[in-house]
Amino acid sequence: MDLVLLRLSALGDILRVMPAWANLRQAFPQARFRAVVEDRHAFLLEPLPWLEPVVVRRKRLSSPFSAFSELKRVAALVRGAEASLDFHGILKAALIPKLAALPERWGDGVTKEFAGSLQTHPMAFRHQTRYDQALGLAEAFGRSRGIPGLGRFRPVLKDVALPDPGEIWQQDAKPRVVLVPGASRRGAIKRWPLRHWITLAGLLKQRCDLRWSLGPEEEDLRSWLPEATGVAALPRLGFWQLASAVRQADRVVSPDTGLLHLAVVLGVPALGLYGASDPVIAGLPPEAGRVLRTGISCSPCRERDCQRRQCMEELLPERVSEAIVSRTVFG
């Protein structure tokens, strides 16, 4: 069997489909799996060597003058496969197996730009988490081959080999908690107020071994936040070293961003702080963590320029602290 898996971007979304991809691999261990991803995210496939990357050049894909020729180039690379499973649902992704003339073109039920019209096996839309959406596609494809049970969530990176991050944590009995105050520039509306993070660190630092996770977008915080709060930051690490450090933690607290979903697939209990994000579509598998939100009337929303940020402002540090320390993982 030769299968093509499509999820061009973005970081968090590729992480969320990995449990479905791993279930397919477990069900069809002799199959060839090719994963079509953008070049900027191809590194995400490194811990899963059974996935063959088929790299789409984002710069060419983003240009109206070169996009179609890039899609034709990628289609030629996957021609001859038995089936494709589209975990993205946009026209650019759906065109690749269509141009490759693959006989079976499956879709997970979420389609934009009429992508579903190019699929031979489109699933019905369901309002569910992106994890369940992807797992549902794996389940449907498995059942078509007489193999049910592919819709079960598993933290697929819990035991894979990752590079050593060095000495990160104290060797005492305190629970280890990673605090993630940032989000991408495009997803800035998802950030919890920094003053709330500082208050939360003060509430927890006597009880927990805390570490800030500060990415490139938070480089300015690295110069003062650890000293101001008495909480060390994780060192500057490569992505998979960072993943290894996070995997040693007992909890990750984060807005709806890539590191939250990295924690989920690493098997680290996650607490998501949500405002504008849809708690269903952007939600977490129940066994992997929980979402904390105020649920005010205007959320969830897609208003990236909201100035009030009431949905996050009213999510108070005391409530987050209580949610963290009340979990059984902390005794």
Protein backbone atom coordinates (compact mmCIF):
# COMPACT_ATOMS: atom_id res chain seq x y z
CA MET A 1 0.00 0.00 0.00
CA ASP A 2 1.19 3.48 -0.89
CA LEU A 3 -0.52 6.36 0.97
CA VAL A 4 -0.13 10.12 0.66
CA LEU A 5 -0.94 12.21 3.76
CA LEU A 6 -1.57 15.92 3.20
CA ARG A 7 -1.23 18.67 5.81
CA LEU A 8 0.75 21.54 4.38
CA SER A 9 0.86 23.72 7.51
CA ALA A 10 0.94 25.05 10.21
CA LEU A 11 3.05 23.84 13.13
CA GLY A 12 0.26 23.19 15.62
CA ASP A 13 -2.02 21.72 12.96
CA ILE A 14 0.61 19.23 11.81
CA LEU A 15 1.17 18.15 15.41
CA ARG A 16 -2.58 17.59 15.80
CA VAL A 17 -2.76 15.15 12.88
CA MET A 18 0.22 13.08 14.04
CA PRO A 19 -1.90 10.75 16.24
CA ALA A 20 -4.02 9.87 13.20
CA TRP A 21 -0.93 9.32 11.05
CA ALA A 22 0.62 7.08 13.70
CA ASN A 23 -2.57 5.01 13.94
CA LEU A 24 -2.50 4.48 10.19
CA ARG A 25 1.11 3.34 10.43
CA GLN A 26 0.24 0.90 13.21
CA ALA A 27 -2.63 -0.53 11.15
CA PHE A 28 -0.63 -0.76 7.92
CA PRO A 29 2.98 -1.35 8.99
CA GLN A 30 4.11 -2.43 5.54
CA ALA A 31 2.66 0.58 3.75
CA ARG A 32 4.63 3.42 2.26
CA PHE A 33 3.66 6.75 3.81
CA ARG A 34 4.46 10.06 2.15
CA ALA A 35 3.62 13.26 4.04
CA VAL A 36 3.13 16.42 1.99
CA VAL A 37 4.16 19.45 4.08
CA GLU A 38 5.56 22.92 3.46
CA ASP A 39 9.32 23.29 3.61
CA ARG A 40 9.21 25.42 6.78
CA HIS A 41 7.55 22.56 8.71
CA ALA A 42 9.29 19.52 7.24
CA PHE A 43 11.44 19.25 10.38
CA LEU A 44 8.34 18.14 12.30
CA LEU A 45 8.54 14.75 10.59
CA GLU A 46 12.03 14.00 11.93
CA PRO A 47 10.99 11.83 14.95
CA LEU A 48 8.82 9.65 12.68
CA PRO A 49 11.30 8.18 10.17
CA TRP A 50 8.65 6.02 8.51
CA LEU A 51 7.13 9.22 7.08
CA GLU A 52 8.74 10.25 3.78
CA PRO A 53 8.62 14.05 3.45
CA VAL A 54 7.30 15.48 0.22
CA VAL A 55 8.23 19.12 0.53
CA VAL A 56 6.18 21.96 -0.91
CA ARG A 57 8.10 25.20 -1.38
CA ARG A 58 6.01 27.79 0.42
CA LYS A 59 7.45 30.77 -1.42
CA ARG A 60 6.46 29.32 -4.78
CA LEU A 61 3.10 28.13 -3.47
CA SER A 62 2.28 31.64 -2.21
CA SER A 63 2.91 33.31 -5.56
CA PRO A 64 0.07 33.36 -8.12
CA PHE A 65 2.71 33.10 -10.85
CA SER A 66 4.29 29.87 -9.59
CA ALA A 67 1.67 28.17 -7.41
CA PHE A 68 0.20 25.90 -10.08
CA SER A 69 3.58 24.76 -11.39
CA GLU A 70 4.62 23.99 -7.81
CA LEU A 71 1.48 21.90 -7.28
CA LYS A 72 2.19 20.02 -10.52
CA ARG A 73 5.76 19.37 -9.40
CA VAL A 74 4.60 17.93 -6.07
CA ALA A 75 1.86 15.92 -7.78
CA ALA A 76 4.50 14.24 -9.94
CA LEU A 77 6.33 13.16 -6.79
CA VAL A 78 3.30 11.28 -5.41
CA ARG A 79 1.93 9.90 -8.68
CA GLY A 80 1.27 6.17 -8.48
CA ALA A 81 0.10 6.12 -4.87
CA GLU A 82 -2.99 4.10 -4.04
CA ALA A 83 -4.79 6.77 -2.03
CA SER A 84 -4.45 10.20 -0.47
CA LEU A 85 -5.81 11.37 2.87
CA ASP A 86 -6.31 15.12 2.99
CA PHE A 87 -6.04 16.47 6.55
CA HIS A 88 -5.98 20.10 5.41
CA GLY A 89 -9.08 20.68 3.31
CA ILE A 90 -7.98 23.64 1.22
CA LEU A 91 -7.88 23.83 -2.57
CA LYS A 92 -4.08 23.78 -2.82
CA ALA A 93 -3.88 20.55 -0.83
CA ALA A 94 -6.76 18.90 -2.69
CA LEU A 95 -5.29 19.74 -6.09
CA ILE A 96 -2.12 17.72 -5.49
CA PRO A 97 -3.70 14.21 -5.49
CA LYS A 98 -6.15 15.31 -8.19
CA LEU A 99 -3.30 16.38 -10.48
CA ALA A 100 -1.53 13.12 -9.61
CA ALA A 101 -4.65 11.20 -10.70
CA LEU A 102 -4.73 9.15 -7.52
CA PRO A 103 -7.70 6.75 -7.63
CA GLU A 104 -8.82 7.36 -4.02
CA ARG A 105 -8.80 10.88 -2.59
CA TRP A 106 -10.13 10.98 0.97
CA GLY A 107 -11.07 14.14 2.89
CA ASP A 108 -11.72 14.68 6.59
CA GLY A 109 -14.93 16.68 6.20
CA VAL A 110 -13.53 20.18 6.61
CA THR A 111 -13.16 21.78 3.20
CA LYS A 112 -12.65 25.30 1.92
CA GLU A 113 -12.57 26.74 -1.59
CA PHE A 114 -14.57 23.76 -2.94
CA ALA A 115 -11.74 21.36 -2.07
CA GLY A 116 -14.27 18.63 -1.30
CA SER A 117 -15.39 18.55 -4.93
CA LEU A 118 -11.95 17.16 -5.85
CA GLN A 119 -12.16 14.29 -3.36
CA THR A 120 -13.61 10.88 -4.21
CA HIS A 121 -14.30 10.04 -0.54
CA PRO A 122 -15.22 13.25 1.31
CA MET A 123 -16.44 12.76 4.86
CA ALA A 124 -19.40 14.64 6.31
CA PHE A 125 -18.58 17.76 8.31
CA ARG A 126 -18.74 17.46 12.11
CA HIS A 127 -18.19 20.17 14.73
CA GLN A 128 -15.39 18.53 16.68
CA THR A 129 -11.77 19.01 17.69
CA ARG A 130 -9.10 18.93 15.02
CA TYR A 131 -7.70 15.86 16.76
CA ASP A 132 -11.04 14.04 16.38
CA GLN A 133 -11.41 15.33 12.84
CA ALA A 134 -8.09 13.76 11.83
CA LEU A 135 -8.68 10.58 13.81
CA GLY A 136 -12.11 10.24 12.20
CA LEU A 137 -10.51 10.22 8.76
CA ALA A 138 -8.04 7.54 9.85
CA GLU A 139 -10.95 5.53 11.29
CA ALA A 140 -12.99 5.78 8.09
CA PHE A 141 -10.07 4.78 5.89
CA GLY A 142 -9.19 1.88 8.17
CA ARG A 143 -12.76 0.58 8.12
CA SER A 144 -12.73 0.68 4.32
CA ARG A 145 -9.89 -1.85 4.57
CA GLY A 146 -11.56 -3.92 7.29
CA ILE A 147 -9.46 -2.46 10.14
CA PRO A 148 -11.51 -0.51 12.72
CA GLY A 149 -10.17 1.24 15.80
CA LEU A 150 -7.98 3.92 14.20
CA GLY A 151 -9.89 6.78 15.86
CA ARG A 152 -8.23 6.38 19.25
CA PHE A 153 -6.01 9.19 20.49
CA ARG A 154 -2.45 8.34 21.55
CA PRO A 155 0.40 10.70 22.56
CA VAL A 156 2.55 9.57 19.66
CA LEU A 157 5.76 11.34 20.71
CA LYS A 158 5.72 10.13 24.30
CA ASP A 159 8.43 7.52 23.76
CA VAL A 160 10.21 8.50 20.55
CA ALA A 161 13.92 9.30 20.70
CA LEU A 162 14.63 13.01 21.11
CA PRO A 163 17.93 14.90 21.55
CA ASP A 164 19.17 15.54 25.08
CA PRO A 165 18.36 19.09 26.22
CA GLY A 166 20.90 19.01 29.05
CA GLU A 167 20.21 19.68 32.71
CA ILE A 168 16.94 21.58 32.87
CA TRP A 169 15.07 20.74 36.04
CA GLN A 170 15.85 20.61 39.74
CA GLN A 171 16.17 17.17 41.24
CA ASP A 172 13.54 17.57 43.93
CA ALA A 173 9.98 16.37 44.33
CA LYS A 174 8.24 19.53 43.18
CA PRO A 175 5.97 19.21 40.15
CA ARG A 176 7.60 20.58 37.02
CA VAL A 177 5.52 23.15 35.15
CA VAL A 178 6.28 24.94 31.87
CA LEU A 179 4.68 28.37 31.48
CA VAL A 180 4.21 29.59 27.89
CA PRO A 181 3.38 33.32 27.81
CA GLY A 182 3.79 33.77 24.08
CA ALA A 183 2.05 33.05 20.81
CA SER A 184 2.87 33.77 17.20
CA ARG A 185 2.65 37.33 15.97
CA ARG A 186 -0.36 36.37 13.85
CA GLY A 187 -1.98 34.74 16.88
CA ALA A 188 -1.25 37.59 19.31
CA ILE A 189 -4.96 37.80 20.22
CA LYS A 190 -4.53 34.42 21.95
CA ARG A 191 -1.99 35.69 24.50
CA TRP A 192 -2.93 35.81 28.15
CA PRO A 193 -1.97 39.18 29.73
CA LEU A 194 1.63 39.24 30.87
CA ARG A 195 0.73 40.66 34.27
CA HIS A 196 -1.46 37.58 34.82
CA TRP A 197 1.49 35.32 34.00
CA ILE A 198 3.65 37.19 36.51
CA THR A 199 0.98 36.84 39.20
CA LEU A 200 0.55 33.15 38.38
CA ALA A 201 4.30 32.56 38.73
CA GLY A 202 4.18 34.19 42.17
CA LEU A 203 1.29 31.94 43.23
CA LEU A 204 3.02 28.74 42.09
CA LYS A 205 6.77 29.10 42.54
CA GLN A 206 6.90 27.88 46.13
CA ARG A 207 4.94 24.77 45.26
CA CYS A 208 6.19 23.98 41.75
CA ASP A 209 9.46 23.93 39.81
CA LEU A 210 8.59 26.47 37.12
CA ARG A 211 10.23 27.31 33.79
CA TRP A 212 9.32 29.98 31.28
CA SER A 213 9.28 28.88 27.66
CA LEU A 214 10.28 31.93 25.61
CA GLY A 215 10.43 31.67 21.85
CA PRO A 216 11.81 34.10 19.26
CA GLU A 217 8.72 36.31 19.60
CA GLU A 218 9.43 36.69 23.34
CA GLU A 219 13.15 37.35 23.12
CA ASP A 220 12.67 40.75 24.76
CA LEU A 221 11.15 39.05 27.82
CA ARG A 222 14.25 36.91 28.32
CA SER A 223 16.23 39.95 29.43
CA TRP A 224 14.03 40.75 32.43
CA LEU A 225 11.16 38.29 33.08
CA PRO A 226 13.21 35.52 34.79
CA GLU A 227 14.90 38.00 37.13
CA ALA A 228 11.65 39.86 37.88
CA THR A 229 9.76 36.68 38.76
CA GLY A 230 12.49 34.47 40.19
CA VAL A 231 11.56 31.81 37.61
CA ALA A 232 14.23 30.61 35.19
CA ALA A 233 13.61 30.39 31.46
CA LEU A 234 14.31 27.30 29.41
CA PRO A 235 17.55 27.92 27.49
CA ARG A 236 17.52 28.64 23.79
CA LEU A 237 17.11 25.19 22.31
CA GLY A 238 16.42 23.63 18.95
CA PHE A 239 12.82 22.55 18.50
CA TRP A 240 13.33 18.89 19.33
CA GLN A 241 15.62 19.67 22.27
CA LEU A 242 12.85 21.92 23.55
CA ALA A 243 10.39 19.07 23.06
CA SER A 244 12.67 16.80 25.10
CA ALA A 245 12.81 19.38 27.93
CA VAL A 246 9.02 19.80 27.85
CA ARG A 247 8.53 16.03 27.96
CA GLN A 248 10.29 15.98 31.32
CA ALA A 249 7.63 18.31 32.77
CA ASP A 250 4.48 17.38 34.67
CA ARG A 251 2.33 20.11 33.14
CA VAL A 252 2.35 22.72 30.39
CA VAL A 253 0.25 25.88 30.74
CA SER A 254 -0.20 27.71 27.46
CA PRO A 255 -2.57 29.63 25.23
CA ASP A 256 -3.82 27.96 22.07
CA THR A 257 -0.46 27.81 20.33
CA GLY A 258 1.97 25.25 18.93
CA LEU A 259 3.66 24.42 22.22
CA LEU A 260 0.34 23.46 23.80
CA HIS A 261 -0.26 20.88 21.08
CA LEU A 262 3.35 19.74 21.27
CA ALA A 263 2.70 18.93 24.94
CA VAL A 264 -0.38 16.92 23.95
CA VAL A 265 1.47 14.66 21.50
CA LEU A 266 4.38 14.35 23.97
CA GLY A 267 1.98 13.02 26.60
CA VAL A 268 2.44 15.94 29.02
CA PRO A 269 -0.82 17.06 30.69
CA ALA A 270 -1.78 20.40 29.18
CA LEU A 271 -3.82 23.30 30.47
CA GLY A 272 -4.98 25.58 27.65
CA LEU A 273 -5.89 29.19 28.40
CA TYR A 274 -8.47 30.12 25.76
CA GLY A 275 -10.16 33.37 24.87
CA ALA A 276 -10.93 33.85 21.18
CA SER A 277 -10.16 30.22 20.31
CA ASP A 278 -13.09 27.86 19.77
CA PRO A 279 -12.98 25.42 22.73
CA VAL A 280 -14.40 22.67 20.54
CA ILE A 281 -12.52 22.96 17.26
CA ALA A 282 -9.27 24.03 18.96
CA GLY A 283 -9.92 21.79 21.96
CA LEU A 284 -7.82 19.02 23.46
CA PRO A 285 -8.41 15.29 23.78
CA PRO A 286 -10.01 14.74 27.22
CA GLU A 287 -7.25 12.38 28.31
CA ALA A 288 -4.56 14.88 27.28
CA GLY A 289 -5.59 18.01 29.13
CA ARG A 290 -8.27 20.61 29.61
CA VAL A 291 -9.22 24.08 28.44
CA LEU A 292 -9.83 26.96 30.84
CA ARG A 293 -11.81 29.97 29.63
CA THR A 294 -14.26 32.63 30.80
CA GLY A 295 -16.86 31.86 28.14
CA ILE A 296 -18.04 35.45 27.81
CA SER A 297 -20.77 36.05 25.23
CA CYS A 298 -18.51 37.32 22.43
CA SER A 299 -16.12 34.35 22.52
CA PRO A 300 -15.07 32.40 20.61
CA CYS A 301 -14.46 34.84 17.78
CA ARG A 302 -12.18 35.48 14.81
CA GLU A 303 -11.58 39.17 15.54
CA ARG A 304 -7.78 39.44 15.49
CA ASP A 305 -7.82 43.19 16.15
CA CYS A 306 -9.99 43.15 19.27
CA GLN A 307 -8.82 45.84 21.68
CA ARG A 308 -10.82 44.79 24.74
CA ARG A 309 -9.35 41.29 25.19
CA GLN A 310 -11.97 40.79 27.89
CA CYS A 311 -12.07 37.05 27.28
CA MET A 312 -8.46 36.79 28.46
CA GLU A 313 -8.41 39.69 30.91
CA GLU A 314 -11.16 38.11 33.02
CA LEU A 315 -9.45 34.72 33.18
CA LEU A 316 -7.78 35.41 36.53
CA PRO A 317 -4.46 33.94 37.73
CA GLU A 318 -6.05 32.59 40.93
CA ARG A 319 -8.42 30.45 38.88
CA VAL A 320 -5.57 29.14 36.71
CA SER A 321 -3.44 28.39 39.78
CA GLU A 322 -6.28 26.46 41.37
CA ALA A 323 -6.79 24.44 38.20
CA ILE A 324 -3.10 23.53 38.13
CA VAL A 325 -2.58 22.51 41.74
CA SER A 326 -5.89 20.68 42.04
CA ARG A 327 -4.97 18.10 39.41
CA THR A 328 -4.10 14.65 40.65
CA VAL A 329 -0.69 14.79 38.98
CA PHE A 330 0.28 17.19 41.77
CA GLY A 331 -0.92 14.96 44.59
